[in-house]
Amino acid sequence: MCEYKFRNGEKCKEEAFENSKYCILHVDLPEDEESEEFKRINEFKKKKVNEKINKGDSKFQGAKLFEVNFFGRNIIKTHPDCLNFEDADIRGNVSFYGININRHLWLEGSKIGGYFSFSEGKIGQTAFFDGARIHKFVRFSNAEINWVSSVNNSQNVTLSFTGAEIGGDVDVSESKILGAATFNNVQIGGGIRVSGSEIRGDVCFTDAKIGGRLRYFTGVSFSGSEIGGDVDFDRTEINSSFANFNLVKIEGRLSFKDTKFKSPRAQEEACRKAKTIHEELGNREEADYYFYREMEARRKQKHIYFSLTPILKIINKVKLEKRLPEFILNFLKKQRKIYWGFLELPIQYIFGYGTYWWGVLILWFSVVFGCAFLYWYGDAVVGAYSFQECIYFSIVTITTLGYGDYEPVKGIYQLLAASEAVFGTFMWAAFIAIFARKYMR
């Protein structure tokens, strides 16, 4: 019998292959892929795998295979010794534990009713999930996926989920991927976990949708991972509750351009990390963009929490609780909050938290011409007989230079001129702060 031990300690119950201690699935393939012995052993492996699939058993623990194709109609012609399952429609789970695949793992367009798990194994070249539909989660745990120079006209692609639909989480924790990982236009019902992994190339989530279809999901976590290229979330919709980029090492840039965050907390954490990375790269323009989005997220989280329980205690003390309706008592029991972040809206949309230099100029000229019109319409400036003279008076007022041949009419227009002068004093401070931040960094 086969001497391979499963992770639960039990031995494989299959018969050992000729002149070997292991069954056909656990025996090693010959190194020479062109030899007759390689083709013969691989043919036996294909037959055994087909038997398991036909029996509804899609769990392969410790198997050593050449190439596996769950689609069968790829644009690129697969190797003749590849295990083909054309238009695979697997109702249960697919579990690869400790498996060794010499070349590619193809799941393009396949349908898996349960989950897909690849743990403690190795894929010699590429894993493709493009267009796959997986009802539950995808997990690559302690896996090693090597790099192939060119597959499907895409350089350095090692792990590809482009266009896939996954009902649960995508877990690529503690894995080693020597190329790039692409999740473009993917729909993931749960979250993304890439914690503790090493990915030598880029990680792309462009135009993806993450989270939102499950009640509980893990969020987006890159904690403790090392990324050799860029991490791109451009135009992605992230509905997860948090984004964890603690201790992550990214050699390239981290991008969240036009990314939609459902959770302000996730937006704050993600944009803070992106800002730090662009600061280190010396890209101040990009850093300003993520500083703005970080501050925007912080504004959305500003609430004052209060409780009405002191009133409830007074009601109980005077024994009036039985006379009040139930909905009033329930209202007094709950903790309340008041959103006050709207007070920062002018700072955000006019000054851009110190990043909108043009916003300051637009506001300054708007006040100058607006006040000039009021002065001219109300004939409020003594000695000024035209709109141009009122503009001059307004500029002199807002810059607090003082008057020579003009003065405002007494009353409300004096108050308007004084208010414009005070506003101008603050605008000078805004000018200095924003221009210094923009051009002297």
Protein backbone atom coordinates (compact mmCIF):
# COMPACT_ATOMS: atom_id res chain seq x y z
CA MET A 1 0.00 0.00 0.00
CA CYS A 2 1.02 3.63 -0.47
CA GLU A 3 3.16 4.97 2.39
CA TYR A 4 2.06 8.62 2.00
CA LYS A 5 0.59 10.02 5.23
CA PHE A 6 -2.20 12.57 5.12
CA ARG A 7 -2.11 15.53 7.48
CA ASN A 8 -4.54 13.75 9.85
CA GLY A 9 -1.93 10.99 10.28
CA GLU A 10 -3.74 8.34 8.24
CA LYS A 11 -1.97 6.51 5.43
CA CYS A 12 -3.15 6.59 1.83
CA LYS A 13 -5.25 3.51 1.07
CA GLU A 14 -4.31 3.31 -2.60
CA GLU A 15 -2.07 0.57 -3.94
CA ALA A 16 1.56 1.45 -4.46
CA PHE A 17 2.66 2.00 -8.03
CA GLU A 18 5.08 -0.46 -9.58
CA ASN A 19 8.54 -0.45 -7.97
CA SER A 20 7.57 2.47 -5.70
CA LYS A 21 6.50 3.10 -2.10
CA TYR A 22 3.75 5.45 -3.23
CA CYS A 23 0.57 5.30 -5.28
CA ILE A 24 0.35 6.79 -8.77
CA LEU A 25 -0.79 10.21 -7.48
CA HIS A 26 1.99 10.51 -4.92
CA VAL A 27 4.84 9.14 -7.01
CA ASP A 28 7.30 11.63 -8.56
CA LEU A 29 7.27 12.37 -12.28
CA PRO A 30 10.49 11.68 -14.22
CA GLU A 31 12.59 14.79 -14.84
CA ASP A 32 12.76 14.22 -18.61
CA GLU A 33 9.39 15.43 -19.90
CA GLU A 34 10.09 14.04 -23.37
CA SER A 35 10.81 10.49 -22.23
CA GLU A 36 8.40 7.60 -22.73
CA GLU A 37 8.50 6.83 -19.00
CA PHE A 38 7.29 10.36 -18.20
CA LYS A 39 4.40 10.06 -20.66
CA ARG A 40 3.44 6.62 -19.34
CA ILE A 41 3.40 7.66 -15.66
CA ASN A 42 1.59 10.91 -16.44
CA GLU A 43 -1.07 8.97 -18.37
CA PHE A 44 -1.69 6.81 -15.29
CA LYS A 45 -1.98 9.96 -13.20
CA LYS A 46 -4.52 11.44 -15.61
CA LYS A 47 -6.67 8.30 -15.43
CA LYS A 48 -6.57 8.29 -11.64
CA VAL A 49 -7.49 11.96 -11.38
CA ASN A 50 -10.38 11.43 -13.81
CA GLU A 51 -11.64 8.56 -11.66
CA LYS A 52 -11.66 10.82 -8.59
CA ILE A 53 -13.41 13.65 -10.42
CA ASN A 54 -16.06 11.28 -11.82
CA LYS A 55 -16.73 10.03 -8.28
CA GLY A 56 -17.23 13.60 -7.12
CA ASP A 57 -13.95 13.62 -5.21
CA SER A 58 -12.01 16.81 -5.99
CA LYS A 59 -9.65 16.67 -3.01
CA PHE A 60 -6.02 16.04 -3.90
CA GLN A 61 -3.64 15.88 -0.97
CA GLY A 62 0.06 15.46 -1.68
CA ALA A 63 -0.48 14.65 -5.35
CA LYS A 64 2.31 15.33 -7.82
CA LEU A 65 0.95 16.40 -11.20
CA PHE A 66 2.32 17.94 -14.38
CA GLU A 67 -0.34 20.44 -15.42
CA VAL A 68 -4.02 20.78 -14.52
CA ASN A 69 -6.66 22.40 -16.71
CA PHE A 70 -10.24 22.81 -15.47
CA PHE A 71 -11.28 24.69 -18.60
CA GLY A 72 -9.96 22.80 -21.62
CA ARG A 73 -10.47 25.52 -24.25
CA ASN A 74 -7.71 28.04 -23.51
CA ILE A 75 -6.48 30.50 -26.11
CA ILE A 76 -3.03 29.02 -25.70
CA LYS A 77 -2.82 25.35 -26.54
CA THR A 78 -2.01 23.42 -23.39
CA HIS A 79 0.60 20.71 -23.17
CA PRO A 80 -0.62 17.32 -24.49
CA ASP A 81 0.19 15.76 -21.10
CA CYS A 82 -2.02 18.26 -19.26
CA LEU A 83 -4.93 17.00 -17.14
CA ASN A 84 -7.99 18.42 -18.94
CA PHE A 85 -11.49 18.79 -17.48
CA GLU A 86 -13.28 20.71 -20.19
CA ASP A 87 -16.00 23.14 -19.04
CA ALA A 88 -15.62 21.91 -15.47
CA ASP A 89 -18.71 22.35 -13.31
CA ILE A 90 -17.79 21.13 -9.84
CA ARG A 91 -20.62 21.33 -7.32
CA GLY A 92 -18.49 20.75 -4.24
CA ASN A 93 -15.11 21.94 -3.02
CA VAL A 94 -11.69 21.71 -4.67
CA SER A 95 -8.89 21.09 -2.19
CA PHE A 96 -5.19 20.85 -3.13
CA TYR A 97 -3.06 20.27 -0.04
CA GLY A 98 0.67 19.63 -0.38
CA ILE A 99 0.24 19.19 -4.12
CA ASN A 100 3.05 19.78 -6.60
CA ILE A 101 2.12 20.96 -10.12
CA ASN A 102 5.08 21.23 -12.47
CA ARG A 103 3.54 23.79 -14.82
CA HIS A 104 0.24 25.68 -14.90
CA LEU A 105 -3.03 25.47 -13.02
CA TRP A 106 -5.88 26.61 -15.29
CA LEU A 107 -9.33 27.40 -13.87
CA GLU A 108 -10.41 29.88 -16.54
CA GLY A 109 -14.19 29.95 -16.89
CA SER A 110 -14.71 27.05 -14.49
CA LYS A 111 -17.58 26.84 -12.00
CA ILE A 112 -16.93 25.60 -8.48
CA GLY A 113 -19.93 25.31 -6.18
CA GLY A 114 -17.85 25.27 -2.98
CA TYR A 115 -14.42 26.66 -2.18
CA PHE A 116 -10.99 26.38 -3.79
CA SER A 117 -8.09 25.73 -1.43
CA PHE A 118 -4.40 25.39 -2.32
CA SER A 119 -2.25 24.92 0.80
CA GLU A 120 1.33 23.85 1.47
CA GLY A 121 1.87 23.21 -2.24
CA LYS A 122 3.82 24.43 -5.22
CA ILE A 123 2.85 25.52 -8.75
CA GLY A 124 5.82 25.52 -11.10
CA GLN A 125 4.60 28.35 -13.31
CA THR A 126 1.18 30.05 -13.36
CA ALA A 127 -2.28 29.84 -11.77
CA PHE A 128 -5.10 31.29 -13.91
CA PHE A 129 -8.59 31.99 -12.53
CA ASP A 130 -9.72 34.41 -15.27
CA GLY A 131 -13.52 34.37 -15.59
CA ALA A 132 -13.93 31.67 -12.95
CA ARG A 133 -17.02 31.55 -10.74
CA ILE A 134 -16.32 30.24 -7.25
CA HIS A 135 -19.27 30.22 -4.87
CA LYS A 136 -17.30 30.34 -1.63
CA PHE A 137 -13.74 31.41 -0.88
CA VAL A 138 -10.31 31.01 -2.49
CA ARG A 139 -7.32 30.25 -0.28
CA PHE A 140 -3.63 30.03 -1.11
CA SER A 141 -1.98 29.30 2.24
CA ASN A 142 1.77 28.66 2.51
CA ALA A 143 1.85 28.13 -1.24
CA GLU A 144 4.68 28.78 -3.65
CA ILE A 145 3.91 29.92 -7.19
CA ASN A 146 6.87 30.44 -9.47
CA TRP A 147 7.26 32.86 -12.35
CA VAL A 148 6.87 32.18 -16.05
CA SER A 149 8.31 34.82 -18.40
CA SER A 150 5.36 35.10 -20.80
CA VAL A 151 1.91 33.56 -20.58
CA ASN A 152 -1.14 34.63 -22.55
CA ASN A 153 0.75 37.67 -23.90
CA SER A 154 1.11 39.02 -20.36
CA GLN A 155 4.60 39.47 -18.94
CA ASN A 156 5.39 38.25 -15.44
CA VAL A 157 1.83 37.19 -14.62
CA THR A 158 1.88 34.43 -12.03
CA LEU A 159 -1.50 34.56 -10.29
CA SER A 160 -4.43 35.87 -12.34
CA PHE A 161 -8.07 36.36 -11.28
CA THR A 162 -9.08 38.87 -13.98
CA GLY A 163 -12.88 38.94 -14.44
CA ALA A 164 -13.50 36.24 -11.82
CA GLU A 165 -16.49 36.12 -9.45
CA ILE A 166 -15.75 34.83 -5.95
CA GLY A 167 -18.50 34.62 -3.36
CA GLY A 168 -16.28 34.68 -0.26
CA ASP A 169 -12.76 35.72 0.69
CA VAL A 170 -9.53 35.52 -1.31
CA ASP A 171 -6.78 34.41 1.03
CA VAL A 172 -3.18 34.41 -0.25
CA SER A 173 -1.56 34.50 3.20
CA GLU A 174 1.98 33.30 3.88
CA SER A 175 2.59 32.54 0.20
CA LYS A 176 5.48 33.18 -2.14
CA ILE A 177 4.62 34.46 -5.62
CA LEU A 178 7.60 35.18 -7.82
CA GLY A 179 5.70 37.17 -10.45
CA ALA A 180 2.67 39.48 -10.48
CA ALA A 181 -0.84 38.96 -9.11
CA THR A 182 -3.74 40.47 -11.08
CA PHE A 183 -7.31 40.84 -9.79
CA ASN A 184 -8.55 43.30 -12.41
CA ASN A 185 -12.33 43.55 -12.80
CA VAL A 186 -12.81 40.83 -10.20
CA GLN A 187 -15.89 40.64 -7.94
CA ILE A 188 -15.13 39.36 -4.45
CA GLY A 189 -17.99 38.92 -2.01
CA GLY A 190 -15.75 38.84 1.05
CA GLY A 191 -12.36 40.37 1.65
CA ILE A 192 -8.72 40.14 0.57
CA ARG A 193 -6.01 38.74 2.83
CA VAL A 194 -2.43 38.87 1.55
CA SER A 195 -0.83 38.88 5.00
CA GLY A 196 2.73 37.66 5.41
CA SER A 197 3.19 36.94 1.69
CA GLU A 198 6.02 37.69 -0.69
CA ILE A 199 5.00 38.88 -4.16
CA ARG A 200 7.91 39.88 -6.39
CA GLY A 201 5.84 41.71 -9.03
CA ASP A 202 2.84 44.06 -9.10
CA VAL A 203 -0.52 43.49 -7.41
CA CYS A 204 -3.43 44.93 -9.40
CA PHE A 205 -7.07 45.32 -8.31
CA THR A 206 -8.12 47.81 -11.00
CA ASP A 207 -11.92 48.11 -11.54
CA ALA A 208 -12.58 45.45 -8.92
CA LYS A 209 -15.39 45.15 -6.37
CA ILE A 210 -14.45 43.90 -2.92
CA GLY A 211 -16.91 43.00 -0.16
CA GLY A 212 -20.53 43.91 0.32
CA ARG A 213 -22.32 40.66 -0.49
CA LEU A 214 -21.56 39.00 2.87
CA ARG A 215 -22.57 40.07 6.33
CA TYR A 216 -19.11 39.40 7.71
CA PHE A 217 -15.90 39.75 5.76
CA THR A 218 -12.23 40.21 6.51
CA GLY A 219 -11.59 43.53 4.81
CA VAL A 220 -8.39 44.23 2.89
CA SER A 221 -5.23 43.10 4.68
CA PHE A 222 -1.63 43.27 3.45
CA SER A 223 -0.17 43.14 6.97
CA GLY A 224 3.42 41.94 7.10
CA SER A 225 3.68 41.22 3.36
CA GLU A 226 6.43 42.23 0.92
CA ILE A 227 5.48 43.51 -2.53
CA GLY A 228 8.27 43.95 -5.07
CA GLY A 229 6.27 46.20 -7.44
CA ASP A 230 3.21 48.46 -7.32
CA VAL A 231 -0.11 47.85 -5.57
CA ASP A 232 -2.94 49.31 -7.65
CA PHE A 233 -6.54 49.74 -6.45
CA ASP A 234 -7.54 52.37 -9.05
CA ARG A 235 -11.30 52.68 -9.70
CA THR A 236 -11.98 49.87 -7.26
CA GLU A 237 -15.05 49.71 -5.04
CA ILE A 238 -14.06 48.62 -1.51
CA ASN A 239 -17.04 47.82 0.69
CA SER A 240 -14.98 46.13 3.40
CA SER A 241 -14.92 47.55 6.90
CA PHE A 242 -11.15 48.08 7.18
CA ALA A 243 -7.91 48.18 5.22
CA ASN A 244 -4.79 46.96 7.02
CA PHE A 245 -1.39 47.86 5.54
CA ASN A 246 0.63 47.65 8.77
CA LEU A 247 4.23 46.43 8.42
CA VAL A 248 3.77 45.95 4.67
CA LYS A 249 6.82 46.65 2.52
CA ILE A 250 6.01 47.97 -0.96
CA GLU A 251 8.90 48.68 -3.30
CA GLY A 252 6.75 50.60 -5.80
CA ARG A 253 3.73 52.83 -5.29
CA LEU A 254 0.36 52.27 -3.62
CA SER A 255 -2.48 53.74 -5.67
CA PHE A 256 -6.13 54.41 -4.79
CA LYS A 257 -7.05 56.83 -7.61
CA ASP A 258 -10.85 57.20 -7.93
CA THR A 259 -11.32 54.36 -5.45
CA LYS A 260 -14.69 54.26 -3.68
CA PHE A 261 -14.63 53.37 0.02
CA LYS A 262 -17.81 52.48 1.83
CA SER A 263 -16.06 52.71 5.20
CA PRO A 264 -14.36 56.03 6.11
CA ARG A 265 -12.12 54.08 8.45
CA ALA A 266 -10.86 51.91 5.60
CA GLN A 267 -10.31 55.02 3.45
CA GLU A 268 -8.32 56.72 6.20
CA GLU A 269 -6.02 53.74 6.80
CA ALA A 270 -5.45 53.04 3.10
CA CYS A 271 -4.81 56.65 2.08
CA ARG A 272 -2.51 57.27 5.05
CA LYS A 273 -0.31 54.39 3.93
CA ALA A 274 -0.38 55.58 0.30
CA LYS A 275 0.56 59.10 1.43
CA THR A 276 3.54 57.78 3.42
CA ILE A 277 4.79 55.70 0.49
CA HIS A 278 4.58 58.61 -1.98
CA GLU A 279 6.33 60.88 0.55
CA GLU A 280 9.20 58.37 0.67
CA LEU A 281 9.28 58.20 -3.14
CA GLY A 282 9.48 62.01 -3.31
CA ASN A 283 6.19 62.31 -5.21
CA ARG A 284 4.67 65.28 -3.35
CA GLU A 285 1.77 65.78 -5.75
CA GLU A 286 0.52 62.23 -5.17
CA ALA A 287 1.16 62.56 -1.44
CA ASP A 288 -1.06 65.67 -1.35
CA TYR A 289 -3.87 63.77 -3.08
CA TYR A 290 -3.83 61.01 -0.46
CA PHE A 291 -3.46 63.54 2.37
CA TYR A 292 -6.66 65.17 1.12
CA ARG A 293 -8.49 61.84 0.99
CA GLU A 294 -7.22 60.86 4.43
CA MET A 295 -8.50 64.12 5.93
CA GLU A 296 -11.81 63.67 4.10
CA ALA A 297 -12.21 60.23 5.70
CA ARG A 298 -11.40 61.66 9.13
CA ARG A 299 -14.06 64.35 8.67
CA LYS A 300 -16.68 61.69 7.94
CA GLN A 301 -15.91 59.98 11.25
CA LYS A 302 -16.33 63.05 13.45
CA HIS A 303 -19.28 62.52 15.80
CA ILE A 304 -20.13 63.64 19.31
CA TYR A 305 -21.49 60.76 21.35
CA PHE A 306 -23.84 61.43 24.23
CA SER A 307 -26.32 59.57 26.39
CA LEU A 308 -29.71 60.55 27.79
CA THR A 309 -29.50 58.13 30.72
CA PRO A 310 -29.26 61.01 33.28
CA ILE A 311 -32.77 62.04 32.23
CA LEU A 312 -33.89 58.42 32.52
CA LYS A 313 -32.46 58.22 36.04
CA ILE A 314 -34.44 61.32 37.05
CA ILE A 315 -37.60 59.77 35.58
CA ASN A 316 -36.98 56.56 37.52
CA LYS A 317 -36.26 58.49 40.69
CA VAL A 318 -39.59 60.34 40.58
CA LYS A 319 -41.30 57.11 39.49
CA LEU A 320 -42.70 58.37 36.21
CA GLU A 321 -41.43 55.52 33.99
CA LYS A 322 -44.77 53.71 34.08
CA ARG A 323 -46.58 56.77 32.78
CA LEU A 324 -44.37 57.25 29.74
CA PRO A 325 -44.79 55.36 26.44
CA GLU A 326 -42.35 52.55 25.73
CA PHE A 327 -40.83 54.22 22.67
CA ILE A 328 -39.80 57.26 24.75
CA LEU A 329 -38.06 55.06 27.31
CA ASN A 330 -36.27 53.17 24.54
CA PHE A 331 -35.18 56.47 23.00
CA LEU A 332 -33.67 57.59 26.32
CA LYS A 333 -31.82 54.29 26.80
CA LYS A 334 -29.89 54.35 23.50
CA GLN A 335 -26.61 56.16 23.04
CA ARG A 336 -26.90 59.03 20.58
CA LYS A 337 -24.43 60.74 18.30
CA ILE A 338 -24.34 64.04 16.45
CA TYR A 339 -22.31 64.49 13.29
CA TRP A 340 -20.32 67.71 13.31
CA GLY A 341 -17.89 67.05 10.47
CA PHE A 342 -19.98 69.26 8.19
CA LEU A 343 -18.27 72.25 9.82
CA GLU A 344 -15.10 71.25 7.94
CA LEU A 345 -16.77 71.29 4.52
CA PRO A 346 -15.50 74.81 3.62
CA ILE A 347 -11.97 73.80 4.66
CA GLN A 348 -12.21 70.69 2.49
CA TYR A 349 -13.84 72.03 -0.67
CA ILE A 350 -12.38 75.55 -0.70
CA PHE A 351 -8.93 75.07 0.78
CA GLY A 352 -8.55 71.34 0.13
CA TYR A 353 -6.92 70.96 3.55
CA GLY A 354 -4.08 73.12 2.30
CA THR A 355 -3.70 71.51 -1.13
CA TYR A 356 -6.04 73.71 -3.24
CA TRP A 357 -4.09 76.88 -4.02
CA TRP A 358 -6.57 77.77 -6.75
CA GLY A 359 -9.46 77.48 -4.29
CA VAL A 360 -8.00 80.32 -2.23
CA LEU A 361 -7.63 82.53 -5.31
CA ILE A 362 -11.18 81.85 -6.48
CA LEU A 363 -12.60 82.67 -3.05
CA TRP A 364 -10.45 85.82 -2.74
CA PHE A 365 -11.51 87.25 -6.10
CA SER A 366 -15.14 86.24 -5.48
CA VAL A 367 -15.19 88.25 -2.24
CA VAL A 368 -13.45 91.22 -3.89
CA PHE A 369 -15.90 91.44 -6.80
CA GLY A 370 -18.91 90.51 -4.67
CA CYS A 371 -18.25 93.28 -2.16
CA ALA A 372 -17.40 95.72 -4.98
CA PHE A 373 -20.80 95.06 -6.53
CA LEU A 374 -22.55 95.70 -3.19
CA TYR A 375 -20.62 98.95 -2.73
CA TRP A 376 -21.47 100.07 -6.26
CA TYR A 377 -25.13 99.01 -6.11
CA GLY A 378 -25.70 100.73 -2.75
CA ASP A 379 -23.64 103.82 -3.63
CA ALA A 380 -21.77 103.02 -0.41
CA VAL A 381 -18.33 104.54 -1.11
CA VAL A 382 -17.88 108.27 -0.76
CA GLY A 383 -15.94 109.60 -3.76
CA ALA A 384 -16.39 106.44 -5.90
CA TYR A 385 -18.59 106.96 -8.95
CA SER A 386 -17.93 103.84 -11.03
CA PHE A 387 -17.75 100.07 -10.59
CA GLN A 388 -14.01 100.13 -11.27
CA GLU A 389 -13.49 102.53 -8.38
CA CYS A 390 -15.53 100.22 -6.14
CA ILE A 391 -13.28 97.33 -7.15
CA TYR A 392 -10.26 99.41 -6.18
CA PHE A 393 -11.88 100.26 -2.85
CA SER A 394 -12.67 96.57 -2.26
CA ILE A 395 -9.05 95.51 -2.99
CA VAL A 396 -7.66 98.22 -0.69
CA THR A 397 -10.06 97.07 2.02
CA ILE A 398 -9.35 93.34 1.77
CA THR A 399 -5.58 93.90 1.73
CA THR A 400 -5.92 96.29 4.75
CA LEU A 401 -3.74 98.95 3.11
CA GLY A 402 -5.86 101.86 4.38
CA TYR A 403 -7.88 104.55 2.61
CA GLY A 404 -6.80 107.78 0.97
CA ASP A 405 -9.52 109.34 -1.15
CA TYR A 406 -12.34 106.85 -0.41
CA GLU A 407 -14.34 105.90 2.65
CA PRO A 408 -17.45 103.79 3.21
CA VAL A 409 -20.83 105.30 4.01
CA LYS A 410 -21.58 105.10 7.70
CA GLY A 411 -23.77 102.25 8.91
CA ILE A 412 -24.06 98.78 7.44
CA TYR A 413 -21.47 99.45 4.72
CA GLN A 414 -18.85 100.30 7.33
CA LEU A 415 -19.58 96.91 8.91
CA LEU A 416 -19.26 95.25 5.49
CA ALA A 417 -15.90 96.94 4.87
CA ALA A 418 -14.66 95.96 8.32
CA SER A 419 -15.74 92.33 7.74
CA GLU A 420 -13.97 92.31 4.40
CA ALA A 421 -10.79 93.60 6.04
CA VAL A 422 -10.90 90.90 8.74
CA PHE A 423 -11.55 88.25 6.06
CA GLY A 424 -8.57 89.56 4.07
CA THR A 425 -6.29 89.20 7.10
CA PHE A 426 -7.14 85.51 7.38
CA MET A 427 -6.79 85.04 3.62
CA TRP A 428 -3.19 86.26 3.74
CA ALA A 429 -2.46 83.54 6.27
CA ALA A 430 -4.12 80.99 4.00
CA PHE A 431 -2.10 82.23 1.00
CA ILE A 432 1.18 81.90 2.87
CA ALA A 433 0.38 78.45 4.31
CA ILE A 434 -0.81 76.89 1.06
CA PHE A 435 1.84 78.34 -1.25
CA ALA A 436 4.59 77.48 1.24
CA ARG A 437 3.29 73.91 1.49
CA LYS A 438 2.91 73.62 -2.27
CA TYR A 439 6.17 75.05 -3.54
CA MET A 440 8.67 75.02 -0.68
CA ARG A 441 8.45 71.34 0.31
